[in-house]
Protein backbone atom coordinates (compact mmCIF):
# COMPACT_ATOMS: atom_id res chain seq x y z
CA MET A 1 -17.30 -53.45 -17.04
CA GLU A 2 -15.14 -53.55 -13.94
CA GLY A 3 -13.07 -50.73 -12.49
CA ALA A 4 -12.30 -47.44 -14.11
CA TYR A 5 -13.02 -46.32 -17.64
CA SER A 6 -10.39 -45.33 -20.20
CA ALA A 7 -10.47 -41.91 -21.81
CA ASN A 8 -8.49 -39.65 -24.14
CA VAL A 9 -8.65 -35.94 -24.90
CA LYS A 10 -7.88 -34.45 -28.32
CA TYR A 11 -6.81 -30.88 -29.09
CA ASP A 12 -6.88 -29.18 -32.48
CA CYS A 13 -4.18 -26.50 -32.52
CA ALA A 14 -2.80 -23.89 -34.90
CA ASP A 15 -1.28 -24.89 -38.25
CA ASP A 16 -3.18 -28.19 -38.47
CA ILE A 17 -1.59 -29.76 -35.37
CA GLN A 18 -3.51 -32.24 -33.22
CA PHE A 19 -2.52 -33.65 -29.82
CA GLU A 20 -4.12 -36.61 -28.04
CA PHE A 21 -3.51 -37.41 -24.36
CA SER A 22 -4.62 -40.34 -22.22
CA LEU A 23 -6.49 -39.47 -19.02
CA ASP A 24 -6.46 -41.11 -15.60
CA CYS A 25 -10.08 -42.06 -14.88
CA LYS A 26 -9.07 -43.61 -11.55
CA LYS A 27 -8.68 -40.08 -10.19
CA SER A 28 -12.24 -39.18 -11.13
CA ALA A 29 -14.98 -39.71 -8.55
CA ALA A 30 -17.43 -40.21 -11.44
CA PHE A 31 -15.44 -42.64 -13.60
CA ASN A 32 -13.34 -44.72 -11.21
CA LYS A 33 -16.30 -47.12 -11.22
CA GLU A 34 -19.28 -47.83 -13.45
CA PHE A 35 -21.18 -44.62 -14.12
CA THR A 36 -24.95 -44.69 -13.78
CA PRO A 37 -26.93 -41.50 -14.46
CA THR A 38 -28.88 -40.10 -11.53
CA SER A 39 -31.13 -37.13 -10.93
CA PRO A 40 -32.11 -35.26 -7.74
CA GLU A 41 -35.61 -35.15 -9.23
CA GLY A 42 -36.00 -38.91 -9.01
CA LYS A 43 -35.66 -41.80 -11.43
CA ILE A 44 -34.83 -40.94 -15.04
CA ARG A 45 -37.41 -42.79 -17.12
CA VAL A 46 -37.41 -43.17 -20.88
CA PRO A 47 -40.71 -44.06 -22.60
CA VAL A 48 -39.97 -46.73 -25.21
CA SER A 49 -43.38 -48.03 -26.28
CA LEU A 50 -47.12 -47.53 -25.81
CA GLY A 51 -49.57 -50.11 -24.56
CA LYS A 52 -53.26 -50.13 -23.72
CA THR A 53 -54.58 -50.71 -20.22
CA TRP A 54 -58.12 -51.70 -19.20
CA LEU A 55 -58.29 -48.71 -16.85
CA LYS A 56 -57.59 -46.05 -19.50
CA LYS A 57 -58.72 -45.51 -23.04
CA GLU A 58 -55.50 -43.69 -23.92
CA PRO A 59 -52.35 -45.76 -24.51
CA ALA A 60 -49.95 -45.74 -21.57
CA PRO A 61 -46.17 -45.67 -21.97
CA ASP A 62 -43.81 -48.47 -21.02
CA TYR A 63 -40.64 -47.05 -19.50
CA GLU A 64 -36.99 -48.01 -19.25
CA GLU A 65 -35.37 -46.64 -16.11
CA LEU A 66 -31.96 -45.17 -16.88
CA ASP A 67 -30.56 -46.06 -13.46
CA ASP A 68 -30.68 -49.72 -14.61
CA TYR A 69 -28.13 -48.76 -17.28
CA VAL A 70 -24.42 -47.98 -17.10
CA LEU A 71 -22.37 -45.68 -19.31
CA SER A 72 -20.63 -47.58 -22.10
CA ALA A 73 -19.16 -44.73 -24.18
CA ALA A 74 -19.31 -40.95 -24.33
CA GLU A 75 -17.83 -38.11 -26.36
CA VAL A 76 -17.83 -34.38 -25.66
CA THR A 77 -17.15 -31.64 -28.20
CA ALA A 78 -17.84 -27.93 -27.90
CA PRO A 79 -21.35 -28.17 -29.38
CA GLN A 80 -22.37 -31.70 -28.42
CA LEU A 81 -22.42 -34.51 -25.88
CA SER A 82 -23.16 -38.05 -27.01
CA ALA A 83 -23.51 -40.94 -24.56
CA THR A 84 -24.40 -44.61 -24.84
CA TYR A 85 -25.87 -46.47 -21.86
CA VAL A 86 -26.22 -50.25 -21.78
CA TYR A 87 -28.31 -52.73 -19.83
CA ALA A 88 -26.33 -55.95 -20.27
CA GLU A 89 -28.97 -58.31 -18.90
CA LYS A 90 -31.49 -57.15 -21.51
CA SER A 91 -28.97 -56.46 -24.30
CA SER A 92 -30.51 -53.03 -24.70
CA THR A 93 -28.99 -49.58 -25.14
CA ILE A 94 -30.12 -45.99 -24.79
CA ASP A 95 -28.27 -43.35 -26.81
CA VAL A 96 -28.48 -39.72 -25.76
CA ILE A 97 -27.26 -36.80 -27.87
CA ASP A 98 -27.48 -33.33 -26.36
CA SER A 99 -26.36 -30.61 -28.76
CA ASN A 100 -26.62 -26.89 -29.43
CA ARG A 101 -27.49 -25.78 -32.93
CA ASP A 102 -27.72 -22.08 -33.67
CA ALA A 103 -28.05 -21.36 -29.93
CA HIS A 104 -30.92 -23.86 -29.62
CA ALA A 105 -30.68 -27.01 -27.50
CA VAL A 106 -31.54 -30.22 -29.33
CA LEU A 107 -32.04 -33.47 -27.43
CA THR A 108 -32.12 -36.87 -29.16
CA VAL A 109 -32.91 -40.08 -27.26
CA GLU A 110 -32.88 -43.45 -28.99
CA TYR A 111 -33.67 -46.89 -27.57
CA VAL A 112 -32.41 -50.15 -29.10
CA SER A 113 -33.28 -53.67 -27.98
CA GLY A 114 -32.77 -56.63 -30.28
CA ASP A 115 -34.20 -55.72 -33.67
CA ALA A 116 -36.31 -52.92 -32.20
CA LYS A 117 -35.04 -49.37 -32.64
CA VAL A 118 -37.07 -46.44 -31.33
CA ASN A 119 -36.22 -42.77 -31.72
CA VAL A 120 -38.08 -41.52 -28.67
CA THR A 121 -37.71 -37.81 -29.30
CA SER A 122 -38.89 -37.99 -32.91
CA GLU A 123 -42.13 -39.76 -32.03
CA PRO A 124 -44.58 -37.23 -30.55
CA ALA A 125 -46.65 -39.96 -28.88
CA LEU A 126 -43.57 -41.01 -26.84
CA ASN A 127 -41.77 -37.68 -26.59
CA LYS A 128 -44.63 -36.09 -24.66
CA PHE A 129 -43.96 -38.54 -21.82
CA LEU A 130 -40.20 -37.84 -21.75
CA ASN A 131 -38.92 -35.48 -19.07
CA SER A 132 -36.57 -33.61 -21.43
CA GLN A 133 -35.46 -31.10 -18.81
CA GLN A 134 -34.40 -33.91 -16.47
CA MET A 135 -32.50 -35.61 -19.30
CA GLU A 136 -30.72 -32.36 -20.20
CA LYS A 137 -29.67 -31.76 -16.59
CA SER A 138 -28.30 -35.31 -16.43
CA SER A 139 -26.34 -34.67 -19.64
CA GLU A 140 -24.96 -31.41 -18.23
CA ALA A 141 -23.70 -33.26 -15.15
CA LEU A 142 -22.06 -35.93 -17.32
CA ARG A 143 -20.45 -33.25 -19.51
CA ALA A 144 -19.00 -31.50 -16.44
CA SER A 145 -17.55 -34.78 -15.11
CA ILE A 146 -15.97 -35.60 -18.48
CA GLN A 147 -14.46 -32.12 -18.82
CA GLU A 148 -12.99 -32.44 -15.32
CA LEU A 149 -10.95 -35.39 -16.60
CA GLU A 150 -8.74 -32.90 -18.47
CA ASN A 151 -7.07 -32.23 -15.12
CA PHE A 152 -5.80 -35.83 -15.03
CA LYS A 153 -3.62 -36.18 -18.12
CA ILE A 154 -1.22 -39.14 -18.12
CA ASP A 155 0.69 -39.40 -21.41
CA LEU A 156 0.85 -38.00 -24.90
CA VAL A 157 -0.44 -40.88 -27.04
CA ARG A 158 -0.64 -39.30 -30.50
CA LEU A 159 0.60 -36.21 -32.29
CA VAL A 160 -0.42 -35.35 -35.86
CA SER A 161 0.92 -32.45 -37.93
CA GLY A 162 -0.46 -31.60 -41.35
CA GLY A 163 -2.16 -34.98 -41.54
CA LYS A 164 1.12 -36.81 -40.81
CA VAL A 165 1.54 -38.85 -37.63
CA VAL A 166 4.54 -37.42 -35.77
CA PHE A 167 4.24 -39.44 -32.57
CA GLU A 168 2.37 -42.66 -31.80
CA GLU A 169 3.10 -45.78 -29.75
CA GLY A 170 6.43 -44.37 -28.56
CA LYS A 171 7.70 -43.64 -32.10
CA LEU A 172 8.71 -40.05 -32.77
CA GLU A 173 9.45 -38.33 -36.08
CA ALA A 174 10.58 -35.07 -34.54
CA GLN A 175 12.76 -33.01 -36.86
CA GLU A 176 10.17 -31.70 -39.32
CA PHE A 177 7.60 -31.11 -36.58
CA LEU A 178 10.14 -29.40 -34.35
CA SER A 179 10.91 -26.87 -37.07
CA LYS A 180 7.23 -26.21 -37.62
CA ALA A 181 6.48 -25.87 -33.91
CA TRP A 182 9.43 -23.57 -33.38
CA GLY A 183 8.15 -21.33 -36.14
CA ILE A 184 5.04 -20.85 -33.99
CA ILE A 185 6.54 -20.49 -30.52
CA GLY A 186 10.05 -19.21 -31.35
CA PRO A 187 9.05 -15.53 -31.80
CA LYS A 188 7.08 -15.67 -28.55
CA VAL A 189 10.04 -17.11 -26.64
CA LYS A 190 12.34 -14.48 -28.13
CA ALA A 191 9.94 -11.70 -27.16
CA ALA A 192 9.54 -13.11 -23.66
CA LEU A 193 13.31 -13.25 -23.21
CA SER A 194 13.64 -9.61 -24.22
CA GLU A 195 10.85 -8.53 -21.89
CA HIS A 196 12.19 -10.43 -18.90
CA VAL A 197 15.71 -9.14 -19.42
CA ALA A 198 14.37 -5.60 -19.57
CA GLU A 199 12.31 -6.08 -16.43
CA GLY A 200 14.97 -8.03 -14.54
CA ASP A 201 12.64 -11.04 -14.29
CA GLU A 202 14.53 -14.34 -14.03
CA ALA A 203 11.48 -16.57 -14.63
CA LEU A 204 12.55 -17.08 -18.26
CA ASP A 205 16.19 -16.09 -18.52
CA GLU A 206 18.77 -17.07 -21.14
CA THR A 207 20.37 -19.72 -18.95
CA PHE A 208 17.08 -21.50 -18.39
CA VAL A 209 16.16 -21.46 -22.09
CA ARG A 210 19.64 -22.61 -23.15
CA GLN A 211 19.56 -25.54 -20.72
CA LYS A 212 16.18 -26.72 -21.99
CA ILE A 213 17.06 -26.45 -25.67
CA GLU A 214 20.44 -28.14 -25.23
CA LEU A 215 18.56 -31.25 -24.07
CA LEU A 216 17.60 -31.68 -27.75
CA GLY A 217 21.23 -32.18 -28.76
CA GLU A 218 22.04 -31.44 -32.40
CA ALA A 219 18.38 -30.75 -33.16
CA GLY A 220 18.44 -27.85 -30.73
CA LYS A 221 21.34 -25.92 -32.32
CA PRO A 222 19.17 -24.14 -34.97
CA LEU A 223 16.83 -23.08 -32.17
CA LEU A 224 19.66 -21.60 -30.15
CA SER A 225 20.89 -19.82 -33.24
CA SER A 226 17.48 -18.28 -33.91
CA LEU A 227 17.53 -16.85 -30.37
CA ASN A 228 21.14 -15.62 -30.70
CA LEU A 229 22.15 -17.94 -27.88
CA THR A 230 24.94 -19.82 -29.70
């Protein structure tokens, strides 16, 4: 992967409305280049198998070092972070899921290489060699960097209302959605106008509101009427 990543953010709003925006990863210090996880505590190592050595009777772990891997994909929701790291030269991946369930942190680490698939955290013999605290701190840092991307919105790429796509790929079906959205924000605008008029505040006066709504042309006339601005 060369250069910056691509990323979107999705919002679930009132009355079954969802917005999706594209984000500018080039403005992020973390994602304007390939992202490799690091830790101030040293290398992040993931035990992926056990092997015997002639010096010890107990099996010793074989490790994959996470700083050999780069981030391929990640998703953040309120309760969970999931990330996939890849090592292209070995065609191997490490998947990390860090979630909170009932106020308890749950870490899942899975290693895949060829036909081999190892759930590190579910195998006690491997999990005891995993520095879970270090992995969780690394996930927290990744989560913070991803959430910072919200400051760098570029464009609205998708809008869905009641399961129906209202806007996508530059195509807009506005009338029905506009009526629905105005039903949500109209009373608030009307109340704000009344408050500002009473307080002599010109931040949201009638002239400003009229000018903005008139940009909608014929579609804006019912909105003006509902605010008694016709």
